[in-house]
């Protein structure tokens, strides 16, 4: 059965679910690690407080990204955005880890 105009199909829903749960988890964990390192090395916050602040921020980020995954028009653009953001955050984290000690 072909979906009606204005509705989305099962493949589109599956793509959004994969973006909203595992893709979102990966992106949020990268952002959390980058934020903790930025707070610690960039702003001089002690490591324990930097970790707590980044972790608390991650709950908000995860919720917002999950809502965005179902609010955008195109699942393809969503995945491109997730992949690009993940590459940037991953590269930033890698550079940060190569430049200094672990948190």
PDB file of N, CA and C in Angstrom:
ATOM      1  N   UNK A   1       0.836  -1.164   0.000  1.00  0.00           N
ATOM      2  CA  UNK A   1       0.000   0.000   0.000  1.00  0.00           C
ATOM      3  C   UNK A   1       0.886   1.235   0.000  1.00  0.00           C
ATOM      4  N   UNK A   2       0.652   2.131  -0.921  1.00  0.00           N
ATOM      5  CA  UNK A   2       1.435   3.350  -1.046  1.00  0.00           C
ATOM      6  C   UNK A   2       0.939   4.394  -0.051  1.00  0.00           C
ATOM      7  N   UNK A   3       1.896   5.060   0.669  1.00  0.00           N
ATOM      8  CA  UNK A   3       1.451   6.058   1.640  1.00  0.00           C
ATOM      9  C   UNK A   3       0.805   7.262   0.950  1.00  0.00           C
ATOM     10  N   UNK A   4      -0.124   7.866   1.651  1.00  0.00           N
ATOM     11  CA  UNK A   4      -0.795   9.048   1.129  1.00  0.00           C
ATOM     12  C   UNK A   4       0.173  10.215   1.071  1.00  0.00           C
ATOM     13  N   UNK A   5      -0.170  11.191   0.273  1.00  0.00           N
ATOM     14  CA  UNK A   5       0.642  12.397   0.178  1.00  0.00           C
ATOM     15  C   UNK A   5       0.657  13.099   1.537  1.00  0.00           C
ATOM     16  N   UNK A   6       1.836  13.544   1.949  1.00  0.00           N
ATOM     17  CA  UNK A   6       1.952  14.214   3.238  1.00  0.00           C
ATOM     18  C   UNK A   6       2.306  13.282   4.375  1.00  0.00           C
ATOM     19  N   UNK A   7       2.320  11.982   4.135  1.00  0.00           N
ATOM     20  CA  UNK A   7       2.718  11.037   5.175  1.00  0.00           C
ATOM     21  C   UNK A   7       4.093  10.479   4.826  1.00  0.00           C
ATOM     22  N   UNK A   8       4.723   9.866   5.790  1.00  0.00           N
ATOM     23  CA  UNK A   8       6.031   9.287   5.536  1.00  0.00           C
ATOM     24  C   UNK A   8       5.932   7.774   5.629  1.00  0.00           C
ATOM     25  N   UNK A   9       6.816   7.098   4.904  1.00  0.00           N
ATOM     26  CA  UNK A   9       6.790   5.648   4.858  1.00  0.00           C
ATOM     27  C   UNK A   9       7.588   5.018   5.985  1.00  0.00           C
ATOM     28  N   UNK A  10       7.587   3.698   5.971  1.00  0.00           N
ATOM     29  CA  UNK A  10       8.284   2.947   7.012  1.00  0.00           C
ATOM     30  C   UNK A  10       9.790   3.160   6.968  1.00  0.00           C
ATOM     31  N   UNK A  11      10.345   3.260   5.765  1.00  0.00           N
ATOM     32  CA  UNK A  11      11.783   3.485   5.635  1.00  0.00           C
ATOM     33  C   UNK A  11      12.197   4.824   6.221  1.00  0.00           C
ATOM     34  N   UNK A  12      11.371   5.826   5.974  1.00  0.00           N
ATOM     35  CA  UNK A  12      11.646   7.163   6.518  1.00  0.00           C
ATOM     36  C   UNK A  12      11.575   7.139   8.052  1.00  0.00           C
ATOM     37  N   UNK A  13      10.613   6.446   8.587  1.00  0.00           N
ATOM     38  CA  UNK A  13      10.486   6.333  10.047  1.00  0.00           C
ATOM     39  C   UNK A  13      11.668   5.567  10.622  1.00  0.00           C
ATOM     40  N   UNK A  14      12.078   4.489   9.958  1.00  0.00           N
ATOM     41  CA  UNK A  14      13.228   3.717  10.432  1.00  0.00           C
ATOM     42  C   UNK A  14      14.499   4.565  10.410  1.00  0.00           C
ATOM     43  N   UNK A  15      14.684   5.353   9.353  1.00  0.00           N
ATOM     44  CA  UNK A  15      15.861   6.220   9.268  1.00  0.00           C
ATOM     45  C   UNK A  15      15.855   7.253  10.384  1.00  0.00           C
ATOM     46  N   UNK A  16      14.702   7.793  10.696  1.00  0.00           N
ATOM     47  CA  UNK A  16      14.605   8.778  11.768  1.00  0.00           C
ATOM     48  C   UNK A  16      14.812   8.135  13.138  1.00  0.00           C
ATOM     49  N   UNK A  17      14.297   6.926  13.322  1.00  0.00           N
ATOM     50  CA  UNK A  17      14.520   6.227  14.592  1.00  0.00           C
ATOM     51  C   UNK A  17      15.993   5.919  14.810  1.00  0.00           C
ATOM     52  N   UNK A  18      16.675   5.494  13.744  1.00  0.00           N
ATOM     53  CA  UNK A  18      18.109   5.226  13.861  1.00  0.00           C
ATOM     54  C   UNK A  18      18.893   6.504  14.131  1.00  0.00           C
ATOM     55  N   UNK A  19      18.444   7.606  13.558  1.00  0.00           N
ATOM     56  CA  UNK A  19      19.101   8.888  13.824  1.00  0.00           C
ATOM     57  C   UNK A  19      18.791   9.363  15.242  1.00  0.00           C
ATOM     58  N   UNK A  20      17.556   9.147  15.692  1.00  0.00           N
ATOM     59  CA  UNK A  20      17.120   9.671  16.994  1.00  0.00           C
ATOM     60  C   UNK A  20      17.698   8.895  18.167  1.00  0.00           C
ATOM     61  N   UNK A  21      18.020   7.618  17.972  1.00  0.00           N
ATOM     62  CA  UNK A  21      18.489   6.838  19.120  1.00  0.00           C
ATOM     63  C   UNK A  21      19.997   6.563  19.020  1.00  0.00           C
ATOM     64  N   UNK A  22      20.477   5.629  18.185  1.00  0.00           N
ATOM     65  CA  UNK A  22      21.930   5.377  18.206  1.00  0.00           C
ATOM     66  C   UNK A  22      22.760   6.518  17.629  1.00  0.00           C
ATOM     67  N   UNK A  23      22.274   7.160  16.556  1.00  0.00           N
ATOM     68  CA  UNK A  23      23.019   8.285  15.989  1.00  0.00           C
ATOM     69  C   UNK A  23      23.102   9.442  16.970  1.00  0.00           C
ATOM     70  N   UNK A  24      22.008   9.717  17.612  1.00  0.00           N
ATOM     71  CA  UNK A  24      21.941  10.774  18.614  1.00  0.00           C
ATOM     72  C   UNK A  24      22.850  10.445  19.799  1.00  0.00           C
ATOM     73  N   UNK A  25      22.868   9.205  20.214  1.00  0.00           N
ATOM     74  CA  UNK A  25      23.711   8.797  21.342  1.00  0.00           C
ATOM     75  C   UNK A  25      25.181   9.028  21.018  1.00  0.00           C
ATOM     76  N   UNK A  26      25.591   8.648  19.819  1.00  0.00           N
ATOM     77  CA  UNK A  26      26.980   8.823  19.415  1.00  0.00           C
ATOM     78  C   UNK A  26      27.340  10.308  19.358  1.00  0.00           C
ATOM     79  N   UNK A  27      26.494  11.109  18.732  1.00  0.00           N
ATOM     80  CA  UNK A  27      26.769  12.534  18.626  1.00  0.00           C
ATOM     81  C   UNK A  27      26.782  13.206  20.000  1.00  0.00           C
ATOM     82  N   UNK A  28      25.848  12.842  20.851  1.00  0.00           N
ATOM     83  CA  UNK A  28      25.800  13.432  22.190  1.00  0.00           C
ATOM     84  C   UNK A  28      27.021  13.042  23.016  1.00  0.00           C
ATOM     85  N   UNK A  29      27.476  11.806  22.900  1.00  0.00           N
ATOM     86  CA  UNK A  29      28.655  11.395  23.668  1.00  0.00           C
ATOM     87  C   UNK A  29      29.908  12.128  23.187  1.00  0.00           C
ATOM     88  N   UNK A  30      30.030  12.335  21.883  1.00  0.00           N
ATOM     89  CA  UNK A  30      31.164  13.106  21.371  1.00  0.00           C
ATOM     90  C   UNK A  30      31.104  14.553  21.856  1.00  0.00           C
ATOM     91  N   UNK A  31      29.915  15.146  21.795  1.00  0.00           N
ATOM     92  CA  UNK A  31      29.753  16.528  22.244  1.00  0.00           C
ATOM     93  C   UNK A  31      30.041  16.654  23.738  1.00  0.00           C
ATOM     94  N   UNK A  32      29.633  15.672  24.518  1.00  0.00           N
ATOM     95  CA  UNK A  32      29.874  15.693  25.960  1.00  0.00           C
ATOM     96  C   UNK A  32      31.365  15.627  26.266  1.00  0.00           C
ATOM     97  N   UNK A  33      32.065  14.745  25.579  1.00  0.00           N
ATOM     98  CA  UNK A  33      33.509  14.630  25.797  1.00  0.00           C
ATOM     99  C   UNK A  33      34.224  15.912  25.380  1.00  0.00           C
ATOM    100  N   UNK A  34      33.829  16.487  24.250  1.00  0.00           N
ATOM    101  CA  UNK A  34      34.454  17.735  23.802  1.00  0.00           C
ATOM    102  C   UNK A  34      34.168  18.875  24.779  1.00  0.00           C
ATOM    103  N   UNK A  35      32.942  18.967  25.253  1.00  0.00           N
ATOM    104  CA  UNK A  35      32.593  20.026  26.193  1.00  0.00           C
ATOM    105  C   UNK A  35      33.351  19.871  27.513  1.00  0.00           C
ATOM    106  N   UNK A  36      33.471  18.647  28.006  1.00  0.00           N
ATOM    107  CA  UNK A  36      34.208  18.420  29.258  1.00  0.00           C
ATOM    108  C   UNK A  36      35.664  18.832  29.101  1.00  0.00           C
ATOM    109  N   UNK A  37      36.272  18.479  27.981  1.00  0.00           N
ATOM    110  CA  UNK A  37      37.670  18.853  27.750  1.00  0.00           C
ATOM    111  C   UNK A  37      37.813  20.353  27.557  1.00  0.00           C
ATOM    112  N   UNK A  38      36.846  20.986  26.898  1.00  0.00           N
ATOM    113  CA  UNK A  38      36.887  22.437  26.718  1.00  0.00           C
ATOM    114  C   UNK A  38      36.771  23.157  28.055  1.00  0.00           C
ATOM    115  N   UNK A  39      35.853  22.690  28.888  1.00  0.00           N
ATOM    116  CA  UNK A  39      35.709  23.305  30.210  1.00  0.00           C
ATOM    117  C   UNK A  39      36.969  23.129  31.044  1.00  0.00           C
ATOM    118  N   UNK A  40      37.569  21.959  30.957  1.00  0.00           N
ATOM    119  CA  UNK A  40      38.742  21.655  31.767  1.00  0.00           C
ATOM    120  C   UNK A  40      39.982  22.391  31.259  1.00  0.00           C
ATOM    121  N   UNK A  41      40.317  22.184  29.985  1.00  0.00           N
ATOM    122  CA  UNK A  41      41.555  22.758  29.466  1.00  0.00           C
ATOM    123  C   UNK A  41      41.383  24.201  29.000  1.00  0.00           C
ATOM    124  N   UNK A  42      40.241  24.527  28.457  1.00  0.00           N
ATOM    125  CA  UNK A  42      40.049  25.863  27.910  1.00  0.00           C
ATOM    126  C   UNK A  42      39.650  26.898  28.936  1.00  0.00           C
ATOM    127  N   UNK A  43      38.812  26.511  29.877  1.00  0.00           N
ATOM    128  CA  UNK A  43      38.293  27.481  30.839  1.00  0.00           C
ATOM    129  C   UNK A  43      38.807  27.278  32.259  1.00  0.00           C
ATOM    130  N   UNK A  44      39.585  26.235  32.472  1.00  0.00           N
ATOM    131  CA  UNK A  44      40.213  26.028  33.767  1.00  0.00           C
ATOM    132  C   UNK A  44      39.311  25.467  34.862  1.00  0.00           C
ATOM    133  N   UNK A  45      38.177  24.891  34.488  1.00  0.00           N
ATOM    134  CA  UNK A  45      37.295  24.262  35.471  1.00  0.00           C
ATOM    135  C   UNK A  45      37.948  22.953  35.909  1.00  0.00           C
ATOM    136  N   UNK A  46      37.861  22.616  37.201  1.00  0.00           N
ATOM    137  CA  UNK A  46      38.479  21.370  37.645  1.00  0.00           C
ATOM    138  C   UNK A  46      37.800  20.178  36.962  1.00  0.00           C
ATOM    139  N   UNK A  47      38.538  19.090  36.750  1.00  0.00           N
ATOM    140  CA  UNK A  47      38.029  17.973  35.959  1.00  0.00           C
ATOM    141  C   UNK A  47      36.704  17.383  36.435  1.00  0.00           C
ATOM    142  N   UNK A  48      36.505  17.270  37.734  1.00  0.00           N
ATOM    143  CA  UNK A  48      35.258  16.681  38.237  1.00  0.00           C
ATOM    144  C   UNK A  48      34.059  17.560  37.888  1.00  0.00           C
ATOM    145  N   UNK A  49      34.179  18.855  38.111  1.00  0.00           N
ATOM    146  CA  UNK A  49      33.075  19.757  37.786  1.00  0.00           C
ATOM    147  C   UNK A  49      32.858  19.865  36.287  1.00  0.00           C
ATOM    148  N   UNK A  50      33.933  19.802  35.505  1.00  0.00           N
ATOM    149  CA  UNK A  50      33.802  19.834  34.053  1.00  0.00           C
ATOM    150  C   UNK A  50      33.026  18.611  33.563  1.00  0.00           C
ATOM    151  N   UNK A  51      33.309  17.452  34.125  1.00  0.00           N
ATOM    152  CA  UNK A  51      32.597  16.230  33.743  1.00  0.00           C
ATOM    153  C   UNK A  51      31.119  16.294  34.121  1.00  0.00           C
ATOM    154  N   UNK A  52      30.835  16.779  35.310  1.00  0.00           N
ATOM    155  CA  UNK A  52      29.444  16.879  35.760  1.00  0.00           C
ATOM    156  C   UNK A  52      28.675  17.877  34.900  1.00  0.00           C
ATOM    157  N   UNK A  53      29.251  19.031  34.633  1.00  0.00           N
ATOM    158  CA  UNK A  53      28.576  20.048  33.825  1.00  0.00           C
ATOM    159  C   UNK A  53      28.323  19.544  32.411  1.00  0.00           C
ATOM    160  N   UNK A  54      29.303  18.875  31.820  1.00  0.00           N
ATOM    161  CA  UNK A  54      29.133  18.341  30.469  1.00  0.00           C
ATOM    162  C   UNK A  54      28.076  17.237  30.450  1.00  0.00           C
ATOM    163  N   UNK A  55      28.057  16.403  31.463  1.00  0.00           N
ATOM    164  CA  UNK A  55      27.066  15.325  31.522  1.00  0.00           C
ATOM    165  C   UNK A  55      25.656  15.874  31.685  1.00  0.00           C
ATOM    166  N   UNK A  56      25.490  16.871  32.534  1.00  0.00           N
ATOM    167  CA  UNK A  56      24.167  17.476  32.697  1.00  0.00           C
ATOM    168  C   UNK A  56      23.697  18.139  31.400  1.00  0.00           C
ATOM    169  N   UNK A  57      24.608  18.778  30.693  1.00  0.00           N
ATOM    170  CA  UNK A  57      24.275  19.393  29.410  1.00  0.00           C
ATOM    171  C   UNK A  57      23.891  18.335  28.378  1.00  0.00           C
ATOM    172  N   UNK A  58      24.484  17.154  28.486  1.00  0.00           N
ATOM    173  CA  UNK A  58      24.202  16.104  27.507  1.00  0.00           C
ATOM    174  C   UNK A  58      22.751  15.633  27.545  1.00  0.00           C
ATOM    175  N   UNK A  59      22.109  15.691  28.712  1.00  0.00           N
ATOM    176  CA  UNK A  59      20.702  15.291  28.785  1.00  0.00           C
ATOM    177  C   UNK A  59      19.828  16.227  27.961  1.00  0.00           C
ATOM    178  N   UNK A  60      20.099  17.509  28.043  1.00  0.00           N
ATOM    179  CA  UNK A  60      19.367  18.489  27.251  1.00  0.00           C
ATOM    180  C   UNK A  60      19.649  18.297  25.768  1.00  0.00           C
ATOM    181  N   UNK A  61      20.913  18.117  25.410  1.00  0.00           N
ATOM    182  CA  UNK A  61      21.287  17.941  24.014  1.00  0.00           C
ATOM    183  C   UNK A  61      20.631  16.702  23.419  1.00  0.00           C
ATOM    184  N   UNK A  62      20.627  15.591  24.144  1.00  0.00           N
ATOM    185  CA  UNK A  62      20.026  14.360  23.639  1.00  0.00           C
ATOM    186  C   UNK A  62      18.536  14.562  23.371  1.00  0.00           C
ATOM    187  N   UNK A  63      17.841  15.208  24.294  1.00  0.00           N
ATOM    188  CA  UNK A  63      16.401  15.430  24.124  1.00  0.00           C
ATOM    189  C   UNK A  63      16.116  16.329  22.925  1.00  0.00           C
ATOM    190  N   UNK A  64      16.892  17.382  22.780  1.00  0.00           N
ATOM    191  CA  UNK A  64      16.676  18.311  21.662  1.00  0.00           C
ATOM    192  C   UNK A  64      16.950  17.616  20.330  1.00  0.00           C
ATOM    193  N   UNK A  65      18.038  16.860  20.251  1.00  0.00           N
ATOM    194  CA  UNK A  65      18.351  16.168  19.002  1.00  0.00           C
ATOM    195  C   UNK A  65      17.319  15.095  18.660  1.00  0.00           C
ATOM    196  N   UNK A  66      16.770  14.435  19.650  1.00  0.00           N
ATOM    197  CA  UNK A  66      15.717  13.447  19.392  1.00  0.00           C
ATOM    198  C   UNK A  66      14.476  14.121  18.823  1.00  0.00           C
ATOM    199  N   UNK A  67      14.124  15.284  19.341  1.00  0.00           N
ATOM    200  CA  UNK A  67      12.982  16.021  18.801  1.00  0.00           C
ATOM    201  C   UNK A  67      13.258  16.518  17.396  1.00  0.00           C
ATOM    202  N   UNK A  68      14.466  16.987  17.155  1.00  0.00           N
ATOM    203  CA  UNK A  68      14.833  17.484  15.825  1.00  0.00           C
ATOM    204  C   UNK A  68      14.779  16.360  14.794  1.00  0.00           C
ATOM    205  N   UNK A  69      15.160  15.153  15.199  1.00  0.00           N
ATOM    206  CA  UNK A  69      15.161  14.023  14.263  1.00  0.00           C
ATOM    207  C   UNK A  69      13.785  13.771  13.664  1.00  0.00           C
ATOM    208  N   UNK A  70      12.740  14.071  14.410  1.00  0.00           N
ATOM    209  CA  UNK A  70      11.395  13.863  13.890  1.00  0.00           C
ATOM    210  C   UNK A  70      10.760  15.151  13.382  1.00  0.00           C
ATOM    211  N   UNK A  71      11.427  16.272  13.577  1.00  0.00           N
ATOM    212  CA  UNK A  71      10.865  17.540  13.143  1.00  0.00           C
ATOM    213  C   UNK A  71      11.370  18.027  11.801  1.00  0.00           C
ATOM    214  N   UNK A  72      12.518  17.533  11.348  1.00  0.00           N
ATOM    215  CA  UNK A  72      13.066  17.998  10.076  1.00  0.00           C
ATOM    216  C   UNK A  72      12.320  17.358   8.911  1.00  0.00           C
ATOM    217  N   UNK A  73      12.394  17.995   7.760  1.00  0.00           N
ATOM    218  CA  UNK A  73      11.662  17.495   6.594  1.00  0.00           C
ATOM    219  C   UNK A  73      12.299  16.271   5.958  1.00  0.00           C
ATOM    220  N   UNK A  74      13.620  16.245   5.902  1.00  0.00           N
ATOM    221  CA  UNK A  74      14.309  15.200   5.153  1.00  0.00           C
ATOM    222  C   UNK A  74      15.210  14.369   6.064  1.00  0.00           C
ATOM    223  N   UNK A  75      15.017  13.062   6.023  1.00  0.00           N
ATOM    224  CA  UNK A  75      15.879  12.173   6.804  1.00  0.00           C
ATOM    225  C   UNK A  75      17.287  12.151   6.224  1.00  0.00           C
ATOM    226  N   UNK A  76      17.402  12.335   4.924  1.00  0.00           N
ATOM    227  CA  UNK A  76      18.721  12.378   4.290  1.00  0.00           C
ATOM    228  C   UNK A  76      19.551  13.549   4.777  1.00  0.00           C
ATOM    229  N   UNK A  77      18.938  14.719   4.832  1.00  0.00           N
ATOM    230  CA  UNK A  77      19.649  15.890   5.362  1.00  0.00           C
ATOM    231  C   UNK A  77      19.970  15.717   6.846  1.00  0.00           C
ATOM    232  N   UNK A  78      19.085  15.094   7.570  1.00  0.00           N
ATOM    233  CA  UNK A  78      19.325  14.823   8.981  1.00  0.00           C
ATOM    234  C   UNK A  78      20.576  13.977   9.148  1.00  0.00           C
ATOM    235  N   UNK A  79      20.691  12.904   8.346  1.00  0.00           N
ATOM    236  CA  UNK A  79      21.852  12.037   8.436  1.00  0.00           C
ATOM    237  C   UNK A  79      23.123  12.743   8.003  1.00  0.00           C
ATOM    238  N   UNK A  80      23.043  13.589   6.975  1.00  0.00           N
ATOM    239  CA  UNK A  80      24.219  14.360   6.566  1.00  0.00           C
ATOM    240  C   UNK A  80      24.666  15.294   7.686  1.00  0.00           C
ATOM    241  N   UNK A  81      23.699  15.924   8.339  1.00  0.00           N
ATOM    242  CA  UNK A  81      24.015  16.814   9.438  1.00  0.00           C
ATOM    243  C   UNK A  81      24.632  16.045  10.604  1.00  0.00           C
ATOM    244  N   UNK A  82      24.063  14.891  10.929  1.00  0.00           N
ATOM    245  CA  UNK A  82      24.611  14.068  12.014  1.00  0.00           C
ATOM    246  C   UNK A  82      26.030  13.594  11.689  1.00  0.00           C
ATOM    247  N   UNK A  83      26.242  13.156  10.448  1.00  0.00           N
ATOM    248  CA  UNK A  83      27.562  12.664  10.057  1.00  0.00           C
ATOM    249  C   UNK A  83      28.593  13.793  10.066  1.00  0.00           C
ATOM    250  N   UNK A  84      28.230  14.944   9.530  1.00  0.00           N
ATOM    251  CA  UNK A  84      29.149  16.080   9.519  1.00  0.00           C
ATOM    252  C   UNK A  84      29.485  16.555  10.917  1.00  0.00           C
ATOM    253  N   UNK A  85      28.471  16.661  11.763  1.00  0.00           N
ATOM    254  CA  UNK A  85      28.703  17.080  13.154  1.00  0.00           C
ATOM    255  C   UNK A  85      29.558  16.059  13.891  1.00  0.00           C
ATOM    256  N   UNK A  86      29.278  14.788  13.659  1.00  0.00           N
ATOM    257  CA  UNK A  86      30.061  13.726  14.304  1.00  0.00           C
ATOM    258  C   UNK A  86      31.522  13.749  13.872  1.00  0.00           C
ATOM    259  N   UNK A  87      31.757  13.992  12.579  1.00  0.00           N
ATOM    260  CA  UNK A  87      33.143  14.071  12.108  1.00  0.00           C
ATOM    261  C   UNK A  87      33.877  15.263  12.716  1.00  0.00           C
ATOM    262  N   UNK A  88      33.210  16.403  12.775  1.00  0.00           N
ATOM    263  CA  UNK A  88      33.838  17.588  13.372  1.00  0.00           C
ATOM    264  C   UNK A  88      34.122  17.392  14.857  1.00  0.00           C
ATOM    265  N   UNK A  89      33.140  16.876  15.583  1.00  0.00           N
ATOM    266  CA  UNK A  89      33.333  16.650  17.017  1.00  0.00           C
ATOM    267  C   UNK A  89      34.380  15.571  17.271  1.00  0.00           C
ATOM    268  N   UNK A  90      34.361  14.516  16.470  1.00  0.00           N
ATOM    269  CA  UNK A  90      35.354  13.446  16.611  1.00  0.00           C
ATOM    270  C   UNK A  90      36.763  13.938  16.331  1.00  0.00           C
ATOM    271  N   UNK A  91      36.910  14.756  15.293  1.00  0.00           N
ATOM    272  CA  UNK A  91      38.227  15.312  14.972  1.00  0.00           C
ATOM    273  C   UNK A  91      38.692  16.248  16.082  1.00  0.00           C
ATOM    274  N   UNK A  92      37.778  17.068  16.594  1.00  0.00           N
ATOM    275  CA  UNK A  92      38.139  17.961  17.689  1.00  0.00           C
ATOM    276  C   UNK A  92      38.551  17.208  18.937  1.00  0.00           C
ATOM    277  N   UNK A  93      37.836  16.146  19.252  1.00  0.00           N
ATOM    278  CA  UNK A  93      38.174  15.333  20.422  1.00  0.00           C
ATOM    279  C   UNK A  93      39.510  14.635  20.237  1.00  0.00           C
ATOM    280  N   UNK A  94      39.738  14.109  19.031  1.00  0.00           N
ATOM    281  CA  UNK A  94      41.000  13.430  18.741  1.00  0.00           C
ATOM    282  C   UNK A  94      42.183  14.389  18.880  1.00  0.00           C
ATOM    283  N   UNK A  95      42.039  15.592  18.334  1.00  0.00           N
ATOM    284  CA  UNK A  95      43.104  16.591  18.442  1.00  0.00           C
ATOM    285  C   UNK A  95      43.335  16.960  19.904  1.00  0.00           C
ATOM    286  N   UNK A  96      42.248  17.108  20.650  1.00  0.00           N
ATOM    287  CA  UNK A  96      42.355  17.453  22.065  1.00  0.00           C
ATOM    288  C   UNK A  96      43.056  16.336  22.848  1.00  0.00           C
ATOM    289  N   UNK A  97      42.757  15.094  22.534  1.00  0.00           N
ATOM    290  CA  UNK A  97      43.384  13.978  23.234  1.00  0.00           C
ATOM    291  C   UNK A  97      44.870  13.861  22.873  1.00  0.00           C
ATOM    292  N   UNK A  98      45.204  14.172  21.625  1.00  0.00           N
ATOM    293  CA  UNK A  98      46.599  14.113  21.217  1.00  0.00           C
ATOM    294  C   UNK A  98      47.419  15.259  21.829  1.00  0.00           C
ATOM    295  N   UNK A  99      46.749  16.364  22.130  1.00  0.00           N
ATOM    296  CA  UNK A  99      47.443  17.534  22.667  1.00  0.00           C
ATOM    297  C   UNK A  99      47.642  17.474  24.176  1.00  0.00           C
ATOM    298  N   UNK A 100      46.832  16.708  24.882  1.00  0.00           N
ATOM    299  CA  UNK A 100      46.939  16.721  26.345  1.00  0.00           C
ATOM    300  C   UNK A 100      46.541  15.405  26.962  1.00  0.00           C
ATOM    301  N   UNK A 101      46.574  15.396  28.271  1.00  0.00           N
ATOM    302  CA  UNK A 101      46.238  14.197  29.033  1.00  0.00           C
ATOM    303  C   UNK A 101      44.743  13.954  29.036  1.00  0.00           C
ATOM    304  N   UNK A 102      44.349  12.793  29.501  1.00  0.00           N
ATOM    305  CA  UNK A 102      42.931  12.460  29.624  1.00  0.00           C
ATOM    306  C   UNK A 102      42.302  13.241  30.751  1.00  0.00           C
ATOM    307  N   UNK A 103      40.988  13.357  30.693  1.00  0.00           N
ATOM    308  CA  UNK A 103      40.244  14.112  31.702  1.00  0.00           C
ATOM    309  C   UNK A 103      40.169  13.338  32.990  1.00  0.00           C
TER     310      UNK A 103
END
